[in-house]
Amino acid sequence: MFDLPTKTKKDKKRYHWFHKELEKEGYKMLQYSVYAKMFSSTDSAKHGKKRIKEFVKKNIKKGNIRLFMFTDKQFGAMEMIIGEVSIEEESERKQLLLF
């Protein structure tokens, strides 16, 4: 989850850069400024977290970026109160069921 400033052109450029980096790393947008990625193991999740921290420390100086990990079961227990599951979320859920 992140909240980065967008007041100046430089801020907006950093915001868009971060968004693109997340997509390059395989993260999918769940909601505006909330991204998620499924990892096959705790070790690969730790490696993913390390990569995010490395490129953020080099390029982002202002704002808030929060990272947290939870299990497939915890993610599956998430309740949608309003809105609809995105096509990307639905396909990822189906993929999880196959493995």
PDB file of N, CA and C in Angstrom:
ATOM      1  N   MET A   1       0.868  -1.162   0.000  1.00  0.00           N
ATOM      2  CA  MET A   1       0.000   0.000   0.000  1.00  0.00           C
ATOM      3  C   MET A   1       0.909   1.218   0.000  1.00  0.00           C
ATOM      4  N   PHE A   2       0.497   2.230  -0.724  1.00  0.00           N
ATOM      5  CA  PHE A   2       1.339   3.418  -0.726  1.00  0.00           C
ATOM      6  C   PHE A   2       0.517   4.686  -0.886  1.00  0.00           C
ATOM      7  N   ASP A   3       1.104   5.746  -0.376  1.00  0.00           N
ATOM      8  CA  ASP A   3       0.541   7.084  -0.498  1.00  0.00           C
ATOM      9  C   ASP A   3       1.727   7.998  -0.771  1.00  0.00           C
ATOM     10  N   LEU A   4       1.905   8.346  -2.020  1.00  0.00           N
ATOM     11  CA  LEU A   4       3.032   9.191  -2.408  1.00  0.00           C
ATOM     12  C   LEU A   4       2.520  10.559  -2.830  1.00  0.00           C
ATOM     13  N   PRO A   5       3.296  11.601  -2.554  1.00  0.00           N
ATOM     14  CA  PRO A   5       2.855  12.947  -2.937  1.00  0.00           C
ATOM     15  C   PRO A   5       2.783  13.108  -4.453  1.00  0.00           C
ATOM     16  N   THR A   6       1.846  13.945  -4.894  1.00  0.00           N
ATOM     17  CA  THR A   6       1.680  14.208  -6.327  1.00  0.00           C
ATOM     18  C   THR A   6       1.483  15.705  -6.589  1.00  0.00           C
ATOM     19  N   LYS A   7       2.053  16.539  -5.730  1.00  0.00           N
ATOM     20  CA  LYS A   7       1.856  17.989  -5.859  1.00  0.00           C
ATOM     21  C   LYS A   7       2.673  18.596  -6.995  1.00  0.00           C
ATOM     22  N   THR A   8       3.909  18.159  -7.146  1.00  0.00           N
ATOM     23  CA  THR A   8       4.780  18.737  -8.171  1.00  0.00           C
ATOM     24  C   THR A   8       4.955  17.756  -9.325  1.00  0.00           C
ATOM     25  N   LYS A   9       5.537  18.256 -10.430  1.00  0.00           N
ATOM     26  CA  LYS A   9       5.806  17.381 -11.570  1.00  0.00           C
ATOM     27  C   LYS A   9       6.773  16.263 -11.164  1.00  0.00           C
ATOM     28  N   LYS A  10       7.754  16.606 -10.351  1.00  0.00           N
ATOM     29  CA  LYS A  10       8.735  15.617  -9.889  1.00  0.00           C
ATOM     30  C   LYS A  10       8.050  14.544  -9.037  1.00  0.00           C
ATOM     31  N   ASP A  11       7.137  14.981  -8.154  1.00  0.00           N
ATOM     32  CA  ASP A  11       6.374  14.028  -7.330  1.00  0.00           C
ATOM     33  C   ASP A  11       5.563  13.080  -8.208  1.00  0.00           C
ATOM     34  N   LYS A  12       4.875  13.632  -9.195  1.00  0.00           N
ATOM     35  CA  LYS A  12       4.046  12.824 -10.092  1.00  0.00           C
ATOM     36  C   LYS A  12       4.891  11.833 -10.876  1.00  0.00           C
ATOM     37  N   LYS A  13       6.080  12.273 -11.284  1.00  0.00           N
ATOM     38  CA  LYS A  13       6.986  11.395 -12.024  1.00  0.00           C
ATOM     39  C   LYS A  13       7.410  10.213 -11.145  1.00  0.00           C
ATOM     40  N   ARG A  14       7.729  10.475  -9.875  1.00  0.00           N
ATOM     41  CA  ARG A  14       8.114   9.409  -8.948  1.00  0.00           C
ATOM     42  C   ARG A  14       6.943   8.446  -8.701  1.00  0.00           C
ATOM     43  N   TYR A  15       5.758   9.025  -8.548  1.00  0.00           N
ATOM     44  CA  TYR A  15       4.564   8.202  -8.337  1.00  0.00           C
ATOM     45  C   TYR A  15       4.381   7.237  -9.502  1.00  0.00           C
ATOM     46  N   HIS A  16       4.429   7.741 -10.722  1.00  0.00           N
ATOM     47  CA  HIS A  16       4.238   6.898 -11.902  1.00  0.00           C
ATOM     48  C   HIS A  16       5.377   5.892 -12.060  1.00  0.00           C
ATOM     49  N   TRP A  17       6.593   6.310 -11.727  1.00  0.00           N
ATOM     50  CA  TRP A  17       7.723   5.392 -11.779  1.00  0.00           C
ATOM     51  C   TRP A  17       7.484   4.217 -10.830  1.00  0.00           C
ATOM     52  N   PHE A  18       7.048   4.520  -9.595  1.00  0.00           N
ATOM     53  CA  PHE A  18       6.823   3.469  -8.607  1.00  0.00           C
ATOM     54  C   PHE A  18       5.726   2.516  -9.085  1.00  0.00           C
ATOM     55  N   HIS A  19       4.653   3.064  -9.592  1.00  0.00           N
ATOM     56  CA  HIS A  19       3.554   2.261 -10.130  1.00  0.00           C
ATOM     57  C   HIS A  19       4.071   1.301 -11.216  1.00  0.00           C
ATOM     58  N   LYS A  20       4.879   1.811 -12.131  1.00  0.00           N
ATOM     59  CA  LYS A  20       5.416   0.983 -13.218  1.00  0.00           C
ATOM     60  C   LYS A  20       6.375  -0.083 -12.683  1.00  0.00           C
ATOM     61  N   GLU A  21       7.170   0.262 -11.677  1.00  0.00           N
ATOM     62  CA  GLU A  21       8.088  -0.713 -11.090  1.00  0.00           C
ATOM     63  C   GLU A  21       7.322  -1.860 -10.440  1.00  0.00           C
ATOM     64  N   LEU A  22       6.242  -1.539  -9.757  1.00  0.00           N
ATOM     65  CA  LEU A  22       5.421  -2.583  -9.151  1.00  0.00           C
ATOM     66  C   LEU A  22       4.877  -3.526 -10.223  1.00  0.00           C
ATOM     67  N   GLU A  23       4.403  -2.964 -11.315  1.00  0.00           N
ATOM     68  CA  GLU A  23       3.883  -3.789 -12.402  1.00  0.00           C
ATOM     69  C   GLU A  23       4.978  -4.657 -13.014  1.00  0.00           C
ATOM     70  N   LYS A  24       6.182  -4.089 -13.186  1.00  0.00           N
ATOM     71  CA  LYS A  24       7.309  -4.871 -13.716  1.00  0.00           C
ATOM     72  C   LYS A  24       7.630  -6.051 -12.804  1.00  0.00           C
ATOM     73  N   GLU A  25       7.468  -5.857 -11.500  1.00  0.00           N
ATOM     74  CA  GLU A  25       7.752  -6.906 -10.522  1.00  0.00           C
ATOM     75  C   GLU A  25       6.623  -7.937 -10.426  1.00  0.00           C
ATOM     76  N   GLY A  26       5.538  -7.705 -11.153  1.00  0.00           N
ATOM     77  CA  GLY A  26       4.445  -8.671 -11.181  1.00  0.00           C
ATOM     78  C   GLY A  26       3.313  -8.391 -10.204  1.00  0.00           C
ATOM     79  N   TYR A  27       3.295  -7.203  -9.604  1.00  0.00           N
ATOM     80  CA  TYR A  27       2.212  -6.844  -8.688  1.00  0.00           C
ATOM     81  C   TYR A  27       0.989  -6.403  -9.492  1.00  0.00           C
ATOM     82  N   LYS A  28      -0.182  -6.702  -8.970  1.00  0.00           N
ATOM     83  CA  LYS A  28      -1.452  -6.320  -9.598  1.00  0.00           C
ATOM     84  C   LYS A  28      -2.192  -5.361  -8.678  1.00  0.00           C
ATOM     85  N   MET A  29      -2.849  -4.373  -9.281  1.00  0.00           N
ATOM     86  CA  MET A  29      -3.593  -3.399  -8.487  1.00  0.00           C
ATOM     87  C   MET A  29      -4.885  -4.030  -7.969  1.00  0.00           C
ATOM     88  N   LEU A  30      -5.072  -3.992  -6.656  1.00  0.00           N
ATOM     89  CA  LEU A  30      -6.338  -4.420  -6.056  1.00  0.00           C
ATOM     90  C   LEU A  30      -7.281  -3.237  -5.944  1.00  0.00           C
ATOM     91  N   GLN A  31      -6.726  -2.130  -5.527  1.00  0.00           N
ATOM     92  CA  GLN A  31      -7.432  -0.856  -5.417  1.00  0.00           C
ATOM     93  C   GLN A  31      -6.406   0.217  -5.698  1.00  0.00           C
ATOM     94  N   TYR A  32      -6.865   1.426  -5.858  1.00  0.00           N
ATOM     95  CA  TYR A  32      -5.970   2.538  -6.095  1.00  0.00           C
ATOM     96  C   TYR A  32      -4.909   2.568  -4.989  1.00  0.00           C
ATOM     97  N   SER A  33      -3.655   2.473  -5.352  1.00  0.00           N
ATOM     98  CA  SER A  33      -2.501   2.490  -4.446  1.00  0.00           C
ATOM     99  C   SER A  33      -2.408   1.274  -3.531  1.00  0.00           C
ATOM    100  N   VAL A  34      -3.114   0.211  -3.865  1.00  0.00           N
ATOM    101  CA  VAL A  34      -3.012  -1.051  -3.119  1.00  0.00           C
ATOM    102  C   VAL A  34      -2.705  -2.149  -4.136  1.00  0.00           C
ATOM    103  N   TYR A  35      -1.541  -2.751  -4.004  1.00  0.00           N
ATOM    104  CA  TYR A  35      -1.083  -3.769  -4.945  1.00  0.00           C
ATOM    105  C   TYR A  35      -0.830  -5.078  -4.216  1.00  0.00           C
ATOM    106  N   ALA A  36      -0.941  -6.182  -4.946  1.00  0.00           N
ATOM    107  CA  ALA A  36      -0.727  -7.498  -4.347  1.00  0.00           C
ATOM    108  C   ALA A  36       0.017  -8.390  -5.335  1.00  0.00           C
ATOM    109  N   LYS A  37       0.738  -9.339  -4.772  1.00  0.00           N
ATOM    110  CA  LYS A  37       1.432 -10.335  -5.583  1.00  0.00           C
ATOM    111  C   LYS A  37       1.449 -11.637  -4.810  1.00  0.00           C
ATOM    112  N   MET A  38       1.149 -12.729  -5.511  1.00  0.00           N
ATOM    113  CA  MET A  38       1.195 -14.051  -4.898  1.00  0.00           C
ATOM    114  C   MET A  38       2.605 -14.610  -5.047  1.00  0.00           C
ATOM    115  N   PHE A  39       3.132 -15.163  -3.967  1.00  0.00           N
ATOM    116  CA  PHE A  39       4.443 -15.807  -3.998  1.00  0.00           C
ATOM    117  C   PHE A  39       4.268 -17.283  -3.687  1.00  0.00           C
ATOM    118  N   SER A  40       5.154 -18.097  -4.233  1.00  0.00           N
ATOM    119  CA  SER A  40       5.043 -19.545  -4.060  1.00  0.00           C
ATOM    120  C   SER A  40       5.569 -20.035  -2.714  1.00  0.00           C
ATOM    121  N   SER A  41       6.381 -19.207  -2.046  1.00  0.00           N
ATOM    122  CA  SER A  41       6.935 -19.619  -0.754  1.00  0.00           C
ATOM    123  C   SER A  41       7.275 -18.389   0.083  1.00  0.00           C
ATOM    124  N   THR A  42       7.530 -18.617   1.344  1.00  0.00           N
ATOM    125  CA  THR A  42       7.934 -17.527   2.236  1.00  0.00           C
ATOM    126  C   THR A  42       9.270 -16.953   1.793  1.00  0.00           C
ATOM    127  N   ASP A  43      10.185 -17.814   1.359  1.00  0.00           N
ATOM    128  CA  ASP A  43      11.496 -17.341   0.908  1.00  0.00           C
ATOM    129  C   ASP A  43      11.377 -16.426  -0.311  1.00  0.00           C
ATOM    130  N   SER A  44      10.546 -16.802  -1.268  1.00  0.00           N
ATOM    131  CA  SER A  44      10.388 -15.945  -2.450  1.00  0.00           C
ATOM    132  C   SER A  44       9.689 -14.637  -2.080  1.00  0.00           C
ATOM    133  N   ALA A  45       8.780 -14.667  -1.117  1.00  0.00           N
ATOM    134  CA  ALA A  45       8.124 -13.437  -0.649  1.00  0.00           C
ATOM    135  C   ALA A  45       9.135 -12.520   0.027  1.00  0.00           C
ATOM    136  N   LYS A  46      10.028 -13.095   0.822  1.00  0.00           N
ATOM    137  CA  LYS A  46      11.073 -12.288   1.470  1.00  0.00           C
ATOM    138  C   LYS A  46      11.990 -11.655   0.438  1.00  0.00           C
ATOM    139  N   HIS A  47      12.308 -12.403  -0.607  1.00  0.00           N
ATOM    140  CA  HIS A  47      13.137 -11.865  -1.684  1.00  0.00           C
ATOM    141  C   HIS A  47      12.403 -10.717  -2.393  1.00  0.00           C
ATOM    142  N   GLY A  48      11.107 -10.897  -2.641  1.00  0.00           N
ATOM    143  CA  GLY A  48      10.308  -9.842  -3.273  1.00  0.00           C
ATOM    144  C   GLY A  48      10.261  -8.586  -2.422  1.00  0.00           C
ATOM    145  N   LYS A  49      10.122  -8.772  -1.120  1.00  0.00           N
ATOM    146  CA  LYS A  49      10.102  -7.630  -0.199  1.00  0.00           C
ATOM    147  C   LYS A  49      11.448  -6.907  -0.227  1.00  0.00           C
ATOM    148  N   LYS A  50      12.520  -7.661  -0.270  1.00  0.00           N
ATOM    149  CA  LYS A  50      13.860  -7.077  -0.324  1.00  0.00           C
ATOM    150  C   LYS A  50      14.034  -6.239  -1.591  1.00  0.00           C
ATOM    151  N   ARG A  51      13.557  -6.754  -2.727  1.00  0.00           N
ATOM    152  CA  ARG A  51      13.674  -6.020  -3.999  1.00  0.00           C
ATOM    153  C   ARG A  51      12.914  -4.692  -3.941  1.00  0.00           C
ATOM    154  N   ILE A  52      11.709  -4.721  -3.391  1.00  0.00           N
ATOM    155  CA  ILE A  52      10.923  -3.484  -3.262  1.00  0.00           C
ATOM    156  C   ILE A  52      11.680  -2.482  -2.404  1.00  0.00           C
ATOM    157  N   LYS A  53      12.161  -2.918  -1.259  1.00  0.00           N
ATOM    158  CA  LYS A  53      12.890  -2.023  -0.357  1.00  0.00           C
ATOM    159  C   LYS A  53      14.106  -1.411  -1.038  1.00  0.00           C
ATOM    160  N   GLU A  54      14.823  -2.193  -1.816  1.00  0.00           N
ATOM    161  CA  GLU A  54      16.021  -1.696  -2.495  1.00  0.00           C
ATOM    162  C   GLU A  54      15.697  -0.597  -3.495  1.00  0.00           C
ATOM    163  N   PHE A  55      14.712  -0.817  -4.366  1.00  0.00           N
ATOM    164  CA  PHE A  55      14.464   0.228  -5.351  1.00  0.00           C
ATOM    165  C   PHE A  55      13.726   1.417  -4.777  1.00  0.00           C
ATOM    166  N   VAL A  56      12.998   1.243  -3.687  1.00  0.00           N
ATOM    167  CA  VAL A  56      12.341   2.381  -3.042  1.00  0.00           C
ATOM    168  C   VAL A  56      13.375   3.268  -2.356  1.00  0.00           C
ATOM    169  N   LYS A  57      14.289   2.674  -1.610  1.00  0.00           N
ATOM    170  CA  LYS A  57      15.296   3.457  -0.871  1.00  0.00           C
ATOM    171  C   LYS A  57      16.134   4.321  -1.793  1.00  0.00           C
ATOM    172  N   LYS A  58      16.357   3.864  -3.013  1.00  0.00           N
ATOM    173  CA  LYS A  58      17.172   4.616  -3.966  1.00  0.00           C
ATOM    174  C   LYS A  58      16.406   5.760  -4.616  1.00  0.00           C
ATOM    175  N   ASN A  59      15.088   5.670  -4.679  1.00  0.00           N
ATOM    176  CA  ASN A  59      14.329   6.598  -5.522  1.00  0.00           C
ATOM    177  C   ASN A  59      13.203   7.375  -4.847  1.00  0.00           C
ATOM    178  N   ILE A  60      12.714   6.937  -3.702  1.00  0.00           N
ATOM    179  CA  ILE A  60      11.569   7.599  -3.069  1.00  0.00           C
ATOM    180  C   ILE A  60      12.012   8.146  -1.715  1.00  0.00           C
ATOM    181  N   LYS A  61      11.764   9.421  -1.496  1.00  0.00           N
ATOM    182  CA  LYS A  61      12.171  10.049  -0.227  1.00  0.00           C
ATOM    183  C   LYS A  61      10.983  10.563   0.591  1.00  0.00           C
ATOM    184  N   LYS A  62       9.827  10.746  -0.052  1.00  0.00           N
ATOM    185  CA  LYS A  62       8.655  11.282   0.648  1.00  0.00           C
ATOM    186  C   LYS A  62       7.464  10.360   0.450  1.00  0.00           C
ATOM    187  N   GLY A  63       6.540  10.409   1.392  1.00  0.00           N
ATOM    188  CA  GLY A  63       5.321   9.621   1.278  1.00  0.00           C
ATOM    189  C   GLY A  63       5.336   8.442   2.229  1.00  0.00           C
ATOM    190  N   ASN A  64       4.378   7.543   2.054  1.00  0.00           N
ATOM    191  CA  ASN A  64       4.264   6.336   2.874  1.00  0.00           C
ATOM    192  C   ASN A  64       4.140   5.124   1.971  1.00  0.00           C
ATOM    193  N   ILE A  65       4.927   4.106   2.283  1.00  0.00           N
ATOM    194  CA  ILE A  65       4.828   2.827   1.594  1.00  0.00           C
ATOM    195  C   ILE A  65       4.813   1.764   2.679  1.00  0.00           C
ATOM    196  N   ARG A  66       3.791   0.935   2.664  1.00  0.00           N
ATOM    197  CA  ARG A  66       3.642  -0.119   3.674  1.00  0.00           C
ATOM    198  C   ARG A  66       3.597  -1.469   2.983  1.00  0.00           C
ATOM    199  N   LEU A  67       4.321  -2.405   3.560  1.00  0.00           N
ATOM    200  CA  LEU A  67       4.395  -3.749   3.025  1.00  0.00           C
ATOM    201  C   LEU A  67       3.955  -4.725   4.092  1.00  0.00           C
ATOM    202  N   PHE A  68       3.102  -5.651   3.741  1.00  0.00           N
ATOM    203  CA  PHE A  68       2.772  -6.705   4.699  1.00  0.00           C
ATOM    204  C   PHE A  68       2.486  -7.994   3.943  1.00  0.00           C
ATOM    205  N   MET A  69       2.699  -9.094   4.646  1.00  0.00           N
ATOM    206  CA  MET A  69       2.489 -10.399   4.037  1.00  0.00           C
ATOM    207  C   MET A  69       1.391 -11.123   4.800  1.00  0.00           C
ATOM    208  N   PHE A  70       0.587 -11.884   4.066  1.00  0.00           N
ATOM    209  CA  PHE A  70      -0.391 -12.743   4.709  1.00  0.00           C
ATOM    210  C   PHE A  70      -0.573 -13.990   3.858  1.00  0.00           C
ATOM    211  N   THR A  71      -1.143 -14.999   4.453  1.00  0.00           N
ATOM    212  CA  THR A  71      -1.270 -16.300   3.787  1.00  0.00           C
ATOM    213  C   THR A  71      -2.395 -16.300   2.761  1.00  0.00           C
ATOM    214  N   ASP A  72      -2.393 -17.346   1.928  1.00  0.00           N
ATOM    215  CA  ASP A  72      -3.476 -17.527   0.950  1.00  0.00           C
ATOM    216  C   ASP A  72      -4.820 -17.604   1.658  1.00  0.00           C
ATOM    217  N   LYS A  73      -4.840 -18.301   2.780  1.00  0.00           N
ATOM    218  CA  LYS A  73      -6.088 -18.467   3.536  1.00  0.00           C
ATOM    219  C   LYS A  73      -6.594 -17.116   4.044  1.00  0.00           C
ATOM    220  N   GLN A  74      -5.692 -16.294   4.571  1.00  0.00           N
ATOM    221  CA  GLN A  74      -6.083 -14.969   5.054  1.00  0.00           C
ATOM    222  C   GLN A  74      -6.580 -14.103   3.905  1.00  0.00           C
ATOM    223  N   PHE A  75      -5.893 -14.155   2.770  1.00  0.00           N
ATOM    224  CA  PHE A  75      -6.304 -13.383   1.603  1.00  0.00           C
ATOM    225  C   PHE A  75      -7.672 -13.855   1.118  1.00  0.00           C
ATOM    226  N   GLY A  76      -7.860 -15.163   1.108  1.00  0.00           N
ATOM    227  CA  GLY A  76      -9.138 -15.732   0.659  1.00  0.00           C
ATOM    228  C   GLY A  76     -10.303 -15.379   1.562  1.00  0.00           C
ATOM    229  N   ALA A  77      -9.990 -15.071   2.827  1.00  0.00           N
ATOM    230  CA  ALA A  77     -11.047 -14.711   3.780  1.00  0.00           C
ATOM    231  C   ALA A  77     -11.442 -13.236   3.682  1.00  0.00           C
ATOM    232  N   MET A  78     -10.755 -12.484   2.829  1.00  0.00           N
ATOM    233  CA  MET A  78     -11.090 -11.074   2.658  1.00  0.00           C
ATOM    234  C   MET A  78     -12.519 -10.962   2.140  1.00  0.00           C
ATOM    235  N   GLU A  79     -13.273 -10.061   2.692  1.00  0.00           N
ATOM    236  CA  GLU A  79     -14.680  -9.901   2.316  1.00  0.00           C
ATOM    237  C   GLU A  79     -14.866  -8.644   1.486  1.00  0.00           C
ATOM    238  N   MET A  80     -15.509  -8.799   0.350  1.00  0.00           N
ATOM    239  CA  MET A  80     -15.834  -7.661  -0.510  1.00  0.00           C
ATOM    240  C   MET A  80     -17.157  -7.085  -0.024  1.00  0.00           C
ATOM    241  N   ILE A  81     -17.149  -5.865   0.458  1.00  0.00           N
ATOM    242  CA  ILE A  81     -18.357  -5.241   0.992  1.00  0.00           C
ATOM    243  C   ILE A  81     -19.125  -4.517  -0.109  1.00  0.00           C
ATOM    244  N   ILE A  82     -18.384  -3.843  -0.970  1.00  0.00           N
ATOM    245  CA  ILE A  82     -19.009  -3.143  -2.090  1.00  0.00           C
ATOM    246  C   ILE A  82     -18.060  -3.231  -3.270  1.00  0.00           C
ATOM    247  N   GLY A  83     -18.585  -3.312  -4.463  1.00  0.00           N
ATOM    248  CA  GLY A  83     -17.745  -3.436  -5.650  1.00  0.00           C
ATOM    249  C   GLY A  83     -17.709  -4.871  -6.131  1.00  0.00           C
ATOM    250  N   GLU A  84     -16.835  -5.120  -7.096  1.00  0.00           N
ATOM    251  CA  GLU A  84     -16.734  -6.443  -7.703  1.00  0.00           C
ATOM    252  C   GLU A  84     -15.280  -6.879  -7.776  1.00  0.00           C
ATOM    253  N   VAL A  85     -15.077  -8.168  -7.774  1.00  0.00           N
ATOM    254  CA  VAL A  85     -13.746  -8.733  -7.934  1.00  0.00           C
ATOM    255  C   VAL A  85     -13.290  -8.457  -9.364  1.00  0.00           C
ATOM    256  N   SER A  86     -12.042  -7.985  -9.529  1.00  0.00           N
ATOM    257  CA  SER A  86     -11.528  -7.691 -10.866  1.00  0.00           C
ATOM    258  C   SER A  86     -11.252  -8.983 -11.628  1.00  0.00           C
ATOM    259  N   ILE A  87     -11.129  -8.871 -12.921  1.00  0.00           N
ATOM    260  CA  ILE A  87     -10.820 -10.025 -13.768  1.00  0.00           C
ATOM    261  C   ILE A  87      -9.474 -10.623 -13.363  1.00  0.00           C
ATOM    262  N   GLU A  88      -8.491  -9.753 -13.052  1.00  0.00           N
ATOM    263  CA  GLU A  88      -7.176 -10.235 -12.640  1.00  0.00           C
ATOM    264  C   GLU A  88      -7.263 -11.029 -11.345  1.00  0.00           C
ATOM    265  N   GLU A  89      -8.025 -10.525 -10.371  1.00  0.00           N
ATOM    266  CA  GLU A  89      -8.184 -11.237  -9.099  1.00  0.00           C
ATOM    267  C   GLU A  89      -8.838 -12.595  -9.314  1.00  0.00           C
ATOM    268  N   GLU A  90      -9.869 -12.625 -10.137  1.00  0.00           N
ATOM    269  CA  GLU A  90     -10.590 -13.871 -10.373  1.00  0.00           C
ATOM    270  C   GLU A  90      -9.682 -14.912 -11.016  1.00  0.00           C
ATOM    271  N   SER A  91      -8.880 -14.481 -12.005  1.00  0.00           N
ATOM    272  CA  SER A  91      -7.986 -15.435 -12.674  1.00  0.00           C
ATOM    273  C   SER A  91      -6.903 -15.915 -11.724  1.00  0.00           C
ATOM    274  N   GLU A  92      -6.425 -15.058 -10.819  1.00  0.00           N
ATOM    275  CA  GLU A  92      -5.416 -15.475  -9.844  1.00  0.00           C
ATOM    276  C   GLU A  92      -6.013 -16.464  -8.847  1.00  0.00           C
ATOM    277  N   ARG A  93      -7.245 -16.261  -8.451  1.00  0.00           N
ATOM    278  CA  ARG A  93      -7.897 -17.190  -7.536  1.00  0.00           C
ATOM    279  C   ARG A  93      -8.050 -18.559  -8.188  1.00  0.00           C
ATOM    280  N   LYS A  94      -8.453 -18.576  -9.444  1.00  0.00           N
ATOM    281  CA  LYS A  94      -8.592 -19.844 -10.163  1.00  0.00           C
ATOM    282  C   LYS A  94      -7.247 -20.542 -10.286  1.00  0.00           C
ATOM    283  N   GLN A  95      -6.196 -19.747 -10.541  1.00  0.00           N
ATOM    284  CA  GLN A  95      -4.866 -20.313 -10.679  1.00  0.00           C
ATOM    285  C   GLN A  95      -4.430 -20.954  -9.354  1.00  0.00           C
ATOM    286  N   LEU A  96      -4.719 -20.308  -8.261  1.00  0.00           N
ATOM    287  CA  LEU A  96      -4.365 -20.863  -6.958  1.00  0.00           C
ATOM    288  C   LEU A  96      -5.039 -22.206  -6.734  1.00  0.00           C
ATOM    289  N   LEU A  97      -6.263 -22.331  -7.188  1.00  0.00           N
ATOM    290  CA  LEU A  97      -6.996 -23.576  -7.016  1.00  0.00           C
ATOM    291  C   LEU A  97      -6.357 -24.706  -7.818  1.00  0.00           C
ATOM    292  N   LEU A  98      -5.736 -24.385  -8.948  1.00  0.00           N
ATOM    293  CA  LEU A  98      -5.123 -25.421  -9.785  1.00  0.00           C
ATOM    294  C   LEU A  98      -3.871 -26.013  -9.163  1.00  0.00           C
ATOM    295  N   PHE A  99      -3.168 -25.230  -8.390  1.00  0.00           N
ATOM    296  CA  PHE A  99      -1.922 -25.708  -7.811  1.00  0.00           C
ATOM    297  C   PHE A  99      -2.227 -26.227  -6.454  1.00  0.00           C
TER     298      PHE A  99
END
